[in-house]
Amino acid sequence: MTYYDREADIVYFEVQNADAARSVEHVWGLIDLGGDGQVVGLEYWDASERLPEELLGALPAPKPPVEATAAS
């Protein structure tokens, strides 16, 4: 899922879905690589300084984590 977290000032672009990925740090954020070495995601730190406001405004907020419900 692609999103912009305004509080953390981080943008994540999902390029393709992957079951597992490893992250490689870059000066602007992270590059997520799938098992085959292809890019599956990009995370930009300090997004408001690196990306256009028009883009940031068009991105959704991250979805909140799903909470587990206790069995009654």
C-alpha atoms as a PDB file:
ATOM      1  CA  MET A   1       0.000   0.000   0.000  1.00  0.00           C
ATOM      2  CA  THR A   2       1.249   3.438  -0.896  1.00  0.00           C
ATOM      3  CA  TYR A   3       0.762   6.122   1.786  1.00  0.00           C
ATOM      4  CA  TYR A   4       2.012   9.343   3.381  1.00  0.00           C
ATOM      5  CA  ASP A   5       2.396   9.394   7.155  1.00  0.00           C
ATOM      6  CA  ARG A   6       2.312  13.129   7.937  1.00  0.00           C
ATOM      7  CA  GLU A   7       3.283  12.670  11.582  1.00  0.00           C
ATOM      8  CA  ALA A   8       6.443  10.732  10.714  1.00  0.00           C
ATOM      9  CA  ASP A   9       6.922  12.634   7.403  1.00  0.00           C
ATOM     10  CA  ILE A  10       7.443   9.345   5.564  1.00  0.00           C
ATOM     11  CA  VAL A  11       6.098   8.260   2.182  1.00  0.00           C
ATOM     12  CA  TYR A  12       5.981   4.599   1.228  1.00  0.00           C
ATOM     13  CA  PHE A  13       5.468   3.563  -2.381  1.00  0.00           C
ATOM     14  CA  GLU A  14       4.601  -0.091  -2.899  1.00  0.00           C
ATOM     15  CA  VAL A  15       5.917  -1.123  -6.306  1.00  0.00           C
ATOM     16  CA  GLN A  16       4.764  -4.725  -6.135  1.00  0.00           C
ATOM     17  CA  ASN A  17       3.432  -7.068  -3.493  1.00  0.00           C
ATOM     18  CA  ALA A  18       5.990  -9.363  -1.865  1.00  0.00           C
ATOM     19  CA  ASP A  19       5.741 -11.962   0.888  1.00  0.00           C
ATOM     20  CA  ALA A  20       9.166 -11.020   2.222  1.00  0.00           C
ATOM     21  CA  ALA A  21      11.593  -8.206   1.560  1.00  0.00           C
ATOM     22  CA  ARG A  22      14.904  -6.922   2.811  1.00  0.00           C
ATOM     23  CA  SER A  23      15.563  -3.216   3.210  1.00  0.00           C
ATOM     24  CA  VAL A  24      18.638  -1.418   1.955  1.00  0.00           C
ATOM     25  CA  GLU A  25      19.283   1.995   3.499  1.00  0.00           C
ATOM     26  CA  HIS A  26      19.863   4.930   1.184  1.00  0.00           C
ATOM     27  CA  VAL A  27      20.536   8.613   1.999  1.00  0.00           C
ATOM     28  CA  TRP A  28      16.850   9.473   1.381  1.00  0.00           C
ATOM     29  CA  GLY A  29      15.241   6.384   2.952  1.00  0.00           C
ATOM     30  CA  LEU A  30      14.913   2.673   2.238  1.00  0.00           C
ATOM     31  CA  ILE A  31      14.723   0.471  -0.828  1.00  0.00           C
ATOM     32  CA  ASP A  32      12.805  -2.769  -0.193  1.00  0.00           C
ATOM     33  CA  LEU A  33      13.972  -5.691  -2.310  1.00  0.00           C
ATOM     34  CA  GLY A  34      12.086  -8.921  -2.861  1.00  0.00           C
ATOM     35  CA  GLY A  35      13.669 -12.359  -2.817  1.00  0.00           C
ATOM     36  CA  ASP A  36      14.568 -12.063  -6.486  1.00  0.00           C
ATOM     37  CA  GLY A  37      16.340  -8.724  -5.915  1.00  0.00           C
ATOM     38  CA  GLN A  38      13.683  -6.618  -7.617  1.00  0.00           C
ATOM     39  CA  VAL A  39      12.463  -3.390  -6.008  1.00  0.00           C
ATOM     40  CA  VAL A  40       9.167  -3.972  -4.201  1.00  0.00           C
ATOM     41  CA  GLY A  41       8.941  -0.704  -2.277  1.00  0.00           C
ATOM     42  CA  LEU A  42      10.497   2.697  -1.626  1.00  0.00           C
ATOM     43  CA  GLU A  43      10.355   4.601   1.666  1.00  0.00           C
ATOM     44  CA  TYR A  44      11.206   8.312   1.618  1.00  0.00           C
ATOM     45  CA  TRP A  45      12.246   9.997   4.880  1.00  0.00           C
ATOM     46  CA  ASP A  46      11.711  13.762   5.317  1.00  0.00           C
ATOM     47  CA  ALA A  47       9.184  13.457   2.516  1.00  0.00           C
ATOM     48  CA  SER A  48       7.946  17.052   2.816  1.00  0.00           C
ATOM     49  CA  GLU A  49      11.470  18.230   1.950  1.00  0.00           C
ATOM     50  CA  ARG A  50      12.020  15.758  -0.902  1.00  0.00           C
ATOM     51  CA  LEU A  51       8.700  15.351  -2.709  1.00  0.00           C
ATOM     52  CA  PRO A  52       6.198  17.825  -4.220  1.00  0.00           C
ATOM     53  CA  GLU A  53       3.323  18.954  -1.958  1.00  0.00           C
ATOM     54  CA  GLU A  54       0.860  18.067  -4.738  1.00  0.00           C
ATOM     55  CA  LEU A  55       1.996  14.446  -4.541  1.00  0.00           C
ATOM     56  CA  LEU A  56       1.941  14.343  -0.735  1.00  0.00           C
ATOM     57  CA  GLY A  57      -1.574  15.782  -0.694  1.00  0.00           C
ATOM     58  CA  ALA A  58      -2.801  13.092  -3.098  1.00  0.00           C
ATOM     59  CA  LEU A  59      -1.515  10.163  -1.023  1.00  0.00           C
ATOM     60  CA  PRO A  60      -3.701   8.470   1.613  1.00  0.00           C
ATOM     61  CA  ALA A  61      -2.761   8.188   5.266  1.00  0.00           C
ATOM     62  CA  PRO A  62      -1.480   4.783   6.421  1.00  0.00           C
ATOM     63  CA  LYS A  63      -4.102   2.315   7.531  1.00  0.00           C
ATOM     64  CA  PRO A  64      -4.151   1.771  11.296  1.00  0.00           C
ATOM     65  CA  PRO A  65      -2.902  -1.638  12.458  1.00  0.00           C
ATOM     66  CA  VAL A  66      -5.535  -4.316  12.813  1.00  0.00           C
ATOM     67  CA  GLU A  67      -6.158  -5.059  16.469  1.00  0.00           C
ATOM     68  CA  ALA A  68      -6.702  -8.597  17.615  1.00  0.00           C
ATOM     69  CA  THR A  69      -9.982  -9.149  19.401  1.00  0.00           C
ATOM     70  CA  ALA A  70     -10.151 -11.321  22.480  1.00  0.00           C
ATOM     71  CA  ALA A  71     -12.403 -14.370  22.284  1.00  0.00           C
ATOM     72  CA  SER A  72     -15.370 -14.161  24.620  1.00  0.00           C
END
